[in-house]
Amino acid sequence: FKFTVYIPDNYPDGECPRVVFDIPVFHPLVDPVSGE
């Protein structure tokens, strides 16, 4: 599973980094549309 990590520009004082899969994986914790 390939993915991309998006880090907020105010790191490390902002929100946690985001993980988005290139292709949405069938998983309860993965958004079926965005793959996040």
PDB file of all heavy atoms in Angstrom:
ATOM      1  N   PHE A   1       0.838  -1.189   0.000  1.00  0.00           N
ATOM      2  CA  PHE A   1       0.000   0.000   0.000  1.00  0.00           C
ATOM      3  C   PHE A   1       0.882   1.252   0.000  1.00  0.00           C
ATOM      4  O   PHE A   1       1.604   1.522   0.970  1.00  0.00           O
ATOM      5  CB  PHE A   1      -0.919   0.003   1.220  1.00  0.00           C
ATOM      6  CG  PHE A   1      -1.726  -1.256   1.376  1.00  0.00           C
ATOM      7  CD1 PHE A   1      -1.734  -1.950   2.580  1.00  0.00           C
ATOM      8  CD2 PHE A   1      -2.470  -1.772   0.320  1.00  0.00           C
ATOM      9  CE1 PHE A   1      -2.468  -3.109   2.728  1.00  0.00           C
ATOM     10  CE2 PHE A   1      -3.199  -2.934   0.456  1.00  0.00           C
ATOM     11  CZ  PHE A   1      -3.206  -3.606   1.669  1.00  0.00           C
ATOM     12  N   LYS A   2       0.791   2.002  -1.082  1.00  0.00           N
ATOM     13  CA  LYS A   2       1.516   3.267  -1.157  1.00  0.00           C
ATOM     14  C   LYS A   2       0.668   4.371  -0.520  1.00  0.00           C
ATOM     15  O   LYS A   2      -0.552   4.391  -0.647  1.00  0.00           O
ATOM     16  CB  LYS A   2       1.851   3.612  -2.610  1.00  0.00           C
ATOM     17  CG  LYS A   2       2.861   2.659  -3.239  1.00  0.00           C
ATOM     18  CD  LYS A   2       3.441   3.207  -4.537  1.00  0.00           C
ATOM     19  CE  LYS A   2       2.411   3.250  -5.631  1.00  0.00           C
ATOM     20  NZ  LYS A   2       3.001   3.687  -6.926  1.00  0.00           N
ATOM     21  N   PHE A   3       1.363   5.296   0.129  1.00  0.00           N
ATOM     22  CA  PHE A   3       0.649   6.370   0.832  1.00  0.00           C
ATOM     23  C   PHE A   3       1.491   7.634   0.811  1.00  0.00           C
ATOM     24  O   PHE A   3       2.675   7.635   0.426  1.00  0.00           O
ATOM     25  CB  PHE A   3       0.348   5.966   2.278  1.00  0.00           C
ATOM     26  CG  PHE A   3       1.578   5.703   3.114  1.00  0.00           C
ATOM     27  CD1 PHE A   3       2.188   6.721   3.834  1.00  0.00           C
ATOM     28  CD2 PHE A   3       2.140   4.435   3.168  1.00  0.00           C
ATOM     29  CE1 PHE A   3       3.324   6.493   4.587  1.00  0.00           C
ATOM     30  CE2 PHE A   3       3.272   4.178   3.923  1.00  0.00           C
ATOM     31  CZ  PHE A   3       3.865   5.213   4.639  1.00  0.00           C
ATOM     32  N   THR A   4       0.882   8.723   1.243  1.00  0.00           N
ATOM     33  CA  THR A   4       1.552  10.016   1.345  1.00  0.00           C
ATOM     34  C   THR A   4       1.278  10.594   2.726  1.00  0.00           C
ATOM     35  O   THR A   4       0.150  10.549   3.205  1.00  0.00           O
ATOM     36  CB  THR A   4       1.063  10.999   0.269  1.00  0.00           C
ATOM     37  OG1 THR A   4       1.228  10.401  -1.019  1.00  0.00           O
ATOM     38  CG2 THR A   4       1.847  12.299   0.327  1.00  0.00           C
ATOM     39  N   VAL A   5       2.315  11.112   3.352  1.00  0.00           N
ATOM     40  CA  VAL A   5       2.188  11.767   4.657  1.00  0.00           C
ATOM     41  C   VAL A   5       2.186  13.274   4.436  1.00  0.00           C
ATOM     42  O   VAL A   5       3.112  13.813   3.813  1.00  0.00           O
ATOM     43  CB  VAL A   5       3.331  11.368   5.610  1.00  0.00           C
ATOM     44  CG1 VAL A   5       3.189  12.076   6.951  1.00  0.00           C
ATOM     45  CG2 VAL A   5       3.367   9.855   5.804  1.00  0.00           C
ATOM     46  N   TYR A   6       1.158  13.933   4.935  1.00  0.00           N
ATOM     47  CA  TYR A   6       1.056  15.391   4.831  1.00  0.00           C
ATOM     48  C   TYR A   6       1.293  15.980   6.224  1.00  0.00           C
ATOM     49  O   TYR A   6       0.542  15.698   7.165  1.00  0.00           O
ATOM     50  CB  TYR A   6      -0.308  15.806   4.296  1.00  0.00           C
ATOM     51  CG  TYR A   6      -0.557  15.352   2.874  1.00  0.00           C
ATOM     52  CD1 TYR A   6      -1.245  14.173   2.610  1.00  0.00           C
ATOM     53  CD2 TYR A   6      -0.091  16.096   1.790  1.00  0.00           C
ATOM     54  CE1 TYR A   6      -1.473  13.742   1.309  1.00  0.00           C
ATOM     55  CE2 TYR A   6      -0.316  15.678   0.489  1.00  0.00           C
ATOM     56  CZ  TYR A   6      -1.006  14.504   0.256  1.00  0.00           C
ATOM     57  OH  TYR A   6      -1.229  14.082  -1.039  1.00  0.00           O
ATOM     58  N   ILE A   7       2.329  16.809   6.343  1.00  0.00           N
ATOM     59  CA  ILE A   7       2.721  17.390   7.626  1.00  0.00           C
ATOM     60  C   ILE A   7       2.268  18.842   7.669  1.00  0.00           C
ATOM     61  O   ILE A   7       2.497  19.587   6.706  1.00  0.00           O
ATOM     62  CB  ILE A   7       4.247  17.301   7.806  1.00  0.00           C
ATOM     63  CG1 ILE A   7       4.704  15.841   7.640  1.00  0.00           C
ATOM     64  CG2 ILE A   7       4.678  17.845   9.162  1.00  0.00           C
ATOM     65  CD1 ILE A   7       6.204  15.683   7.563  1.00  0.00           C
ATOM     66  N   PRO A   8       1.608  19.289   8.744  1.00  0.00           N
ATOM     67  CA  PRO A   8       1.152  20.685   8.812  1.00  0.00           C
ATOM     68  C   PRO A   8       2.328  21.655   8.811  1.00  0.00           C
ATOM     69  O   PRO A   8       3.417  21.343   9.300  1.00  0.00           O
ATOM     70  CB  PRO A   8       0.369  20.738  10.133  1.00  0.00           C
ATOM     71  CG  PRO A   8       0.859  19.568  10.929  1.00  0.00           C
ATOM     72  CD  PRO A   8       1.232  18.512   9.947  1.00  0.00           C
ATOM     73  N   ASP A   9       2.095  22.851   8.243  1.00  0.00           N
ATOM     74  CA  ASP A   9       3.190  23.811   8.100  1.00  0.00           C
ATOM     75  C   ASP A   9       3.597  24.453   9.415  1.00  0.00           C
ATOM     76  O   ASP A   9       4.625  25.143   9.467  1.00  0.00           O
ATOM     77  CB  ASP A   9       2.822  24.894   7.083  1.00  0.00           C
ATOM     78  CG  ASP A   9       1.526  25.597   7.445  1.00  0.00           C
ATOM     79  OD1 ASP A   9       0.939  25.272   8.504  1.00  0.00           O
ATOM     80  OD2 ASP A   9       1.090  26.464   6.670  1.00  0.00           O
ATOM     81  N   ASN A  10       2.828  24.252  10.485  1.00  0.00           N
ATOM     82  CA  ASN A  10       3.226  24.769  11.794  1.00  0.00           C
ATOM     83  C   ASN A  10       3.723  23.643  12.704  1.00  0.00           C
ATOM     84  O   ASN A  10       3.658  23.741  13.928  1.00  0.00           O
ATOM     85  CB  ASN A  10       2.070  25.508  12.461  1.00  0.00           C
ATOM     86  CG  ASN A  10       0.862  24.609  12.673  1.00  0.00           C
ATOM     87  OD1 ASN A  10       0.739  23.548  12.049  1.00  0.00           O
ATOM     88  ND2 ASN A  10      -0.046  25.017  13.537  1.00  0.00           N
ATOM     89  N   TYR A  11       4.192  22.577  12.079  1.00  0.00           N
ATOM     90  CA  TYR A  11       4.730  21.447  12.842  1.00  0.00           C
ATOM     91  C   TYR A  11       5.929  21.914  13.684  1.00  0.00           C
ATOM     92  O   TYR A  11       6.718  22.739  13.224  1.00  0.00           O
ATOM     93  CB  TYR A  11       5.171  20.350  11.865  1.00  0.00           C
ATOM     94  CG  TYR A  11       5.625  19.084  12.516  1.00  0.00           C
ATOM     95  CD1 TYR A  11       4.713  18.099  12.848  1.00  0.00           C
ATOM     96  CD2 TYR A  11       6.961  18.881  12.813  1.00  0.00           C
ATOM     97  CE1 TYR A  11       5.133  16.932  13.460  1.00  0.00           C
ATOM     98  CE2 TYR A  11       7.379  17.722  13.426  1.00  0.00           C
ATOM     99  CZ  TYR A  11       6.459  16.757  13.743  1.00  0.00           C
ATOM    100  OH  TYR A  11       6.880  15.602  14.357  1.00  0.00           O
ATOM    101  N   PRO A  12       6.062  21.460  14.921  1.00  0.00           N
ATOM    102  CA  PRO A  12       5.275  20.417  15.602  1.00  0.00           C
ATOM    103  C   PRO A  12       4.208  20.959  16.544  1.00  0.00           C
ATOM    104  O   PRO A  12       3.831  20.278  17.492  1.00  0.00           O
ATOM    105  CB  PRO A  12       6.366  19.696  16.399  1.00  0.00           C
ATOM    106  CG  PRO A  12       7.307  20.792  16.783  1.00  0.00           C
ATOM    107  CD  PRO A  12       7.298  21.782  15.660  1.00  0.00           C
ATOM    108  N   ASP A  13       3.749  22.188  16.307  1.00  0.00           N
ATOM    109  CA  ASP A  13       2.782  22.798  17.213  1.00  0.00           C
ATOM    110  C   ASP A  13       1.342  22.676  16.737  1.00  0.00           C
ATOM    111  O   ASP A  13       0.437  23.151  17.404  1.00  0.00           O
ATOM    112  CB  ASP A  13       3.121  24.286  17.391  1.00  0.00           C
ATOM    113  CG  ASP A  13       4.477  24.488  18.048  1.00  0.00           C
ATOM    114  OD1 ASP A  13       4.791  23.705  18.955  1.00  0.00           O
ATOM    115  OD2 ASP A  13       5.212  25.402  17.639  1.00  0.00           O
ATOM    116  N   GLY A  14       1.122  22.060  15.578  1.00  0.00           N
ATOM    117  CA  GLY A  14      -0.226  21.973  15.047  1.00  0.00           C
ATOM    118  C   GLY A  14      -0.853  20.608  15.256  1.00  0.00           C
ATOM    119  O   GLY A  14      -0.588  19.906  16.239  1.00  0.00           O
ATOM    120  N   GLU A  15      -1.670  20.232  14.294  1.00  0.00           N
ATOM    121  CA  GLU A  15      -2.327  18.936  14.351  1.00  0.00           C
ATOM    122  C   GLU A  15      -1.346  17.838  13.951  1.00  0.00           C
ATOM    123  O   GLU A  15      -0.234  18.100  13.497  1.00  0.00           O
ATOM    124  CB  GLU A  15      -3.545  18.933  13.412  1.00  0.00           C
ATOM    125  CG  GLU A  15      -4.609  19.966  13.765  1.00  0.00           C
ATOM    126  CD  GLU A  15      -5.313  19.639  15.066  1.00  0.00           C
ATOM    127  OE1 GLU A  15      -5.330  18.445  15.430  1.00  0.00           O
ATOM    128  OE2 GLU A  15      -5.835  20.566  15.717  1.00  0.00           O
ATOM    129  N   CYS A  16      -1.814  16.599  14.140  1.00  0.00           N
ATOM    130  CA  CYS A  16      -0.957  15.470  13.784  1.00  0.00           C
ATOM    131  C   CYS A  16      -0.884  15.341  12.264  1.00  0.00           C
ATOM    132  O   CYS A  16      -1.787  15.774  11.540  1.00  0.00           O
ATOM    133  CB  CYS A  16      -1.505  14.181  14.389  1.00  0.00           C
ATOM    134  SG  CYS A  16      -3.141  13.711  13.810  1.00  0.00           S
ATOM    135  N   PRO A  17       0.182  14.763  11.728  1.00  0.00           N
ATOM    136  CA  PRO A  17       0.290  14.556  10.277  1.00  0.00           C
ATOM    137  C   PRO A  17      -0.819  13.651   9.768  1.00  0.00           C
ATOM    138  O   PRO A  17      -1.356  12.818  10.499  1.00  0.00           O
ATOM    139  CB  PRO A  17       1.670  13.887  10.131  1.00  0.00           C
ATOM    140  CG  PRO A  17       2.430  14.299  11.347  1.00  0.00           C
ATOM    141  CD  PRO A  17       1.415  14.383  12.439  1.00  0.00           C
ATOM    142  N   ARG A  18      -1.149  13.805   8.490  1.00  0.00           N
ATOM    143  CA  ARG A  18      -2.184  13.010   7.853  1.00  0.00           C
ATOM    144  C   ARG A  18      -1.561  11.931   6.984  1.00  0.00           C
ATOM    145  O   ARG A  18      -0.510  12.150   6.374  1.00  0.00           O
ATOM    146  CB  ARG A  18      -3.103  13.902   6.997  1.00  0.00           C
ATOM    147  CG  ARG A  18      -3.838  14.956   7.793  1.00  0.00           C
ATOM    148  CD  ARG A  18      -4.460  16.011   6.888  1.00  0.00           C
ATOM    149  NE  ARG A  18      -5.215  15.392   5.789  1.00  0.00           N
ATOM    150  CZ  ARG A  18      -5.017  15.675   4.511  1.00  0.00           C
ATOM    151  NH1 ARG A  18      -4.081  16.535   4.153  1.00  0.00           N
ATOM    152  NH2 ARG A  18      -5.749  15.081   3.584  1.00  0.00           N
ATOM    153  N   VAL A  19      -2.214  10.782   6.922  1.00  0.00           N
ATOM    154  CA  VAL A  19      -1.766   9.667   6.085  1.00  0.00           C
ATOM    155  C   VAL A  19      -2.881   9.351   5.094  1.00  0.00           C
ATOM    156  O   VAL A  19      -4.009   9.041   5.502  1.00  0.00           O
ATOM    157  CB  VAL A  19      -1.423   8.425   6.927  1.00  0.00           C
ATOM    158  CG1 VAL A  19      -1.070   7.246   6.029  1.00  0.00           C
ATOM    159  CG2 VAL A  19      -0.280   8.728   7.886  1.00  0.00           C
ATOM    160  N   VAL A  20      -2.559   9.434   3.807  1.00  0.00           N
ATOM    161  CA  VAL A  20      -3.540   9.201   2.751  1.00  0.00           C
ATOM    162  C   VAL A  20      -2.998   8.132   1.812  1.00  0.00           C
ATOM    163  O   VAL A  20      -1.906   8.300   1.240  1.00  0.00           O
ATOM    164  CB  VAL A  20      -3.860  10.493   1.975  1.00  0.00           C
ATOM    165  CG1 VAL A  20      -4.891  10.216   0.898  1.00  0.00           C
ATOM    166  CG2 VAL A  20      -4.337  11.596   2.919  1.00  0.00           C
ATOM    167  N   PHE A  21      -3.730   7.042   1.645  1.00  0.00           N
ATOM    168  CA  PHE A  21      -3.320   5.979   0.734  1.00  0.00           C
ATOM    169  C   PHE A  21      -3.640   6.372  -0.707  1.00  0.00           C
ATOM    170  O   PHE A  21      -4.662   7.017  -0.969  1.00  0.00           O
ATOM    171  CB  PHE A  21      -4.025   4.673   1.093  1.00  0.00           C
ATOM    172  CG  PHE A  21      -3.566   4.087   2.403  1.00  0.00           C
ATOM    173  CD1 PHE A  21      -4.308   4.267   3.557  1.00  0.00           C
ATOM    174  CD2 PHE A  21      -2.391   3.347   2.481  1.00  0.00           C
ATOM    175  CE1 PHE A  21      -3.895   3.737   4.768  1.00  0.00           C
ATOM    176  CE2 PHE A  21      -1.970   2.808   3.684  1.00  0.00           C
ATOM    177  CZ  PHE A  21      -2.709   3.001   4.835  1.00  0.00           C
ATOM    178  N   ASP A  22      -2.762   5.977  -1.608  1.00  0.00           N
ATOM    179  CA  ASP A  22      -2.977   6.310  -3.013  1.00  0.00           C
ATOM    180  C   ASP A  22      -4.275   5.703  -3.526  1.00  0.00           C
ATOM    181  O   ASP A  22      -5.019   6.341  -4.283  1.00  0.00           O
ATOM    182  CB  ASP A  22      -1.795   5.810  -3.855  1.00  0.00           C
ATOM    183  CG  ASP A  22      -0.534   6.611  -3.595  1.00  0.00           C
ATOM    184  OD1 ASP A  22      -0.526   7.435  -2.659  1.00  0.00           O
ATOM    185  OD2 ASP A  22       0.456   6.420  -4.339  1.00  0.00           O
ATOM    186  N   ILE A  23      -4.542   4.460  -3.127  1.00  0.00           N
ATOM    187  CA  ILE A  23      -5.793   3.785  -3.466  1.00  0.00           C
ATOM    188  C   ILE A  23      -6.472   3.408  -2.154  1.00  0.00           C
ATOM    189  O   ILE A  23      -5.858   2.744  -1.302  1.00  0.00           O
ATOM    190  CB  ILE A  23      -5.533   2.528  -4.317  1.00  0.00           C
ATOM    191  CG1 ILE A  23      -4.869   2.920  -5.637  1.00  0.00           C
ATOM    192  CG2 ILE A  23      -6.822   1.770  -4.577  1.00  0.00           C
ATOM    193  CD1 ILE A  23      -4.526   1.745  -6.520  1.00  0.00           C
ATOM    194  N   PRO A  24      -7.715   3.822  -1.939  1.00  0.00           N
ATOM    195  CA  PRO A  24      -8.396   3.516  -0.681  1.00  0.00           C
ATOM    196  C   PRO A  24      -8.431   2.012  -0.400  1.00  0.00           C
ATOM    197  O   PRO A  24      -8.880   1.223  -1.232  1.00  0.00           O
ATOM    198  CB  PRO A  24      -9.807   4.079  -0.888  1.00  0.00           C
ATOM    199  CG  PRO A  24      -9.631   5.148  -1.916  1.00  0.00           C
ATOM    200  CD  PRO A  24      -8.548   4.657  -2.828  1.00  0.00           C
ATOM    201  N   VAL A  25      -7.926   1.633   0.763  1.00  0.00           N
ATOM    202  CA  VAL A  25      -7.910   0.232   1.186  1.00  0.00           C
ATOM    203  C   VAL A  25      -9.211  -0.063   1.921  1.00  0.00           C
ATOM    204  O   VAL A  25      -9.715   0.780   2.678  1.00  0.00           O
ATOM    205  CB  VAL A  25      -6.697  -0.044   2.089  1.00  0.00           C
ATOM    206  CG1 VAL A  25      -6.587  -1.527   2.400  1.00  0.00           C
ATOM    207  CG2 VAL A  25      -5.416   0.461   1.442  1.00  0.00           C
ATOM    208  N   PHE A  26      -9.751  -1.260   1.685  1.00  0.00           N
ATOM    209  CA  PHE A  26     -10.981  -1.651   2.376  1.00  0.00           C
ATOM    210  C   PHE A  26     -10.638  -1.945   3.826  1.00  0.00           C
ATOM    211  O   PHE A  26     -10.160  -3.030   4.166  1.00  0.00           O
ATOM    212  CB  PHE A  26     -11.611  -2.877   1.704  1.00  0.00           C
ATOM    213  CG  PHE A  26     -12.958  -3.244   2.259  1.00  0.00           C
ATOM    214  CD1 PHE A  26     -14.085  -2.516   1.906  1.00  0.00           C
ATOM    215  CD2 PHE A  26     -13.102  -4.308   3.133  1.00  0.00           C
ATOM    216  CE1 PHE A  26     -15.336  -2.843   2.415  1.00  0.00           C
ATOM    217  CE2 PHE A  26     -14.343  -4.649   3.648  1.00  0.00           C
ATOM    218  CZ  PHE A  26     -15.463  -3.917   3.284  1.00  0.00           C
ATOM    219  N   HIS A  27     -10.892  -0.959   4.671  1.00  0.00           N
ATOM    220  CA  HIS A  27     -10.535  -1.054   6.081  1.00  0.00           C
ATOM    221  C   HIS A  27     -11.457  -0.147   6.879  1.00  0.00           C
ATOM    222  O   HIS A  27     -11.813   0.942   6.413  1.00  0.00           O
ATOM    223  CB  HIS A  27      -9.074  -0.647   6.289  1.00  0.00           C
ATOM    224  CG  HIS A  27      -8.543  -0.946   7.655  1.00  0.00           C
ATOM    225  ND1 HIS A  27      -8.865  -0.198   8.768  1.00  0.00           N
ATOM    226  CD2 HIS A  27      -7.709  -1.937   8.085  1.00  0.00           C
ATOM    227  CE1 HIS A  27      -8.240  -0.704   9.823  1.00  0.00           C
ATOM    228  NE2 HIS A  27      -7.540  -1.757   9.438  1.00  0.00           N
ATOM    229  N   PRO A  28     -11.850  -0.551   8.087  1.00  0.00           N
ATOM    230  CA  PRO A  28     -12.769   0.293   8.872  1.00  0.00           C
ATOM    231  C   PRO A  28     -12.234   1.690   9.157  1.00  0.00           C
ATOM    232  O   PRO A  28     -13.032   2.625   9.306  1.00  0.00           O
ATOM    233  CB  PRO A  28     -12.942  -0.508  10.173  1.00  0.00           C
ATOM    234  CG  PRO A  28     -12.683  -1.926   9.802  1.00  0.00           C
ATOM    235  CD  PRO A  28     -11.625  -1.858   8.743  1.00  0.00           C
ATOM    236  N   LEU A  29     -10.930   1.864   9.232  1.00  0.00           N
ATOM    237  CA  LEU A  29     -10.360   3.162   9.590  1.00  0.00           C
ATOM    238  C   LEU A  29      -9.856   3.952   8.398  1.00  0.00           C
ATOM    239  O   LEU A  29      -9.190   4.976   8.577  1.00  0.00           O
ATOM    240  CB  LEU A  29      -9.213   2.963  10.596  1.00  0.00           C
ATOM    241  CG  LEU A  29      -9.571   2.229  11.884  1.00  0.00           C
ATOM    242  CD1 LEU A  29      -8.379   2.214  12.836  1.00  0.00           C
ATOM    243  CD2 LEU A  29     -10.792   2.844  12.556  1.00  0.00           C
ATOM    244  N   VAL A  30     -10.162   3.490   7.194  1.00  0.00           N
ATOM    245  CA  VAL A  30      -9.721   4.192   5.980  1.00  0.00           C
ATOM    246  C   VAL A  30     -10.949   4.710   5.244  1.00  0.00           C
ATOM    247  O   VAL A  30     -11.880   3.944   4.954  1.00  0.00           O
ATOM    248  CB  VAL A  30      -8.891   3.269   5.067  1.00  0.00           C
ATOM    249  CG1 VAL A  30      -8.504   3.997   3.785  1.00  0.00           C
ATOM    250  CG2 VAL A  30      -7.655   2.766   5.801  1.00  0.00           C
ATOM    251  N   ASP A  31     -10.924   6.005   4.941  1.00  0.00           N
ATOM    252  CA  ASP A  31     -12.042   6.599   4.215  1.00  0.00           C
ATOM    253  C   ASP A  31     -12.140   5.967   2.827  1.00  0.00           C
ATOM    254  O   ASP A  31     -11.153   5.982   2.081  1.00  0.00           O
ATOM    255  CB  ASP A  31     -11.840   8.111   4.098  1.00  0.00           C
ATOM    256  CG  ASP A  31     -13.062   8.823   3.556  1.00  0.00           C
ATOM    257  OD1 ASP A  31     -13.342   8.664   2.339  1.00  0.00           O
ATOM    258  OD2 ASP A  31     -13.725   9.540   4.319  1.00  0.00           O
ATOM    259  N   PRO A  32     -13.313   5.405   2.450  1.00  0.00           N
ATOM    260  CA  PRO A  32     -13.421   4.704   1.156  1.00  0.00           C
ATOM    261  C   PRO A  32     -13.339   5.628  -0.046  1.00  0.00           C
ATOM    262  O   PRO A  32     -13.146   5.139  -1.177  1.00  0.00           O
ATOM    263  CB  PRO A  32     -14.795   4.033   1.246  1.00  0.00           C
ATOM    264  CG  PRO A  32     -15.575   4.860   2.210  1.00  0.00           C
ATOM    265  CD  PRO A  32     -14.589   5.373   3.208  1.00  0.00           C
ATOM    266  N   VAL A  33     -13.474   6.922   0.143  1.00  0.00           N
ATOM    267  CA  VAL A  33     -13.436   7.864  -0.975  1.00  0.00           C
ATOM    268  C   VAL A  33     -12.066   8.541  -1.078  1.00  0.00           C
ATOM    269  O   VAL A  33     -11.418   8.512  -2.127  1.00  0.00           O
ATOM    270  CB  VAL A  33     -14.549   8.918  -0.843  1.00  0.00           C
ATOM    271  CG1 VAL A  33     -14.461   9.928  -1.997  1.00  0.00           C
ATOM    272  CG2 VAL A  33     -15.918   8.249  -0.814  1.00  0.00           C
ATOM    273  N   SER A  34     -11.621   9.145   0.021  1.00  0.00           N
ATOM    274  CA  SER A  34     -10.361   9.898  -0.011  1.00  0.00           C
ATOM    275  C   SER A  34      -9.136   9.025   0.247  1.00  0.00           C
ATOM    276  O   SER A  34      -8.026   9.395  -0.127  1.00  0.00           O
ATOM    277  CB  SER A  34     -10.404  11.028   1.024  1.00  0.00           C
ATOM    278  OG  SER A  34     -10.470  10.494   2.344  1.00  0.00           O
ATOM    279  N   GLY A  35      -9.338   7.877   0.892  1.00  0.00           N
ATOM    280  CA  GLY A  35      -8.213   7.011   1.236  1.00  0.00           C
ATOM    281  C   GLY A  35      -7.445   7.454   2.460  1.00  0.00           C
ATOM    282  O   GLY A  35      -6.382   6.896   2.760  1.00  0.00           O
ATOM    283  N   GLU A  36      -7.965   8.431   3.200  1.00  0.00           N
ATOM    284  CA  GLU A  36      -7.261   8.932   4.377  1.00  0.00           C
ATOM    285  C   GLU A  36      -7.466   8.004   5.570  1.00  0.00           C
ATOM    286  O   GLU A  36      -8.576   7.545   5.840  1.00  0.00           O
ATOM    287  CB  GLU A  36      -7.714  10.342   4.740  1.00  0.00           C
ATOM    288  CG  GLU A  36      -6.975  10.926   5.942  1.00  0.00           C
ATOM    289  CD  GLU A  36      -7.285  12.398   6.156  1.00  0.00           C
ATOM    290  OE1 GLU A  36      -8.011  12.983   5.316  1.00  0.00           O
ATOM    291  OE2 GLU A  36      -6.793  12.970   7.151  1.00  0.00           O
TER     292      GLU A  36
END
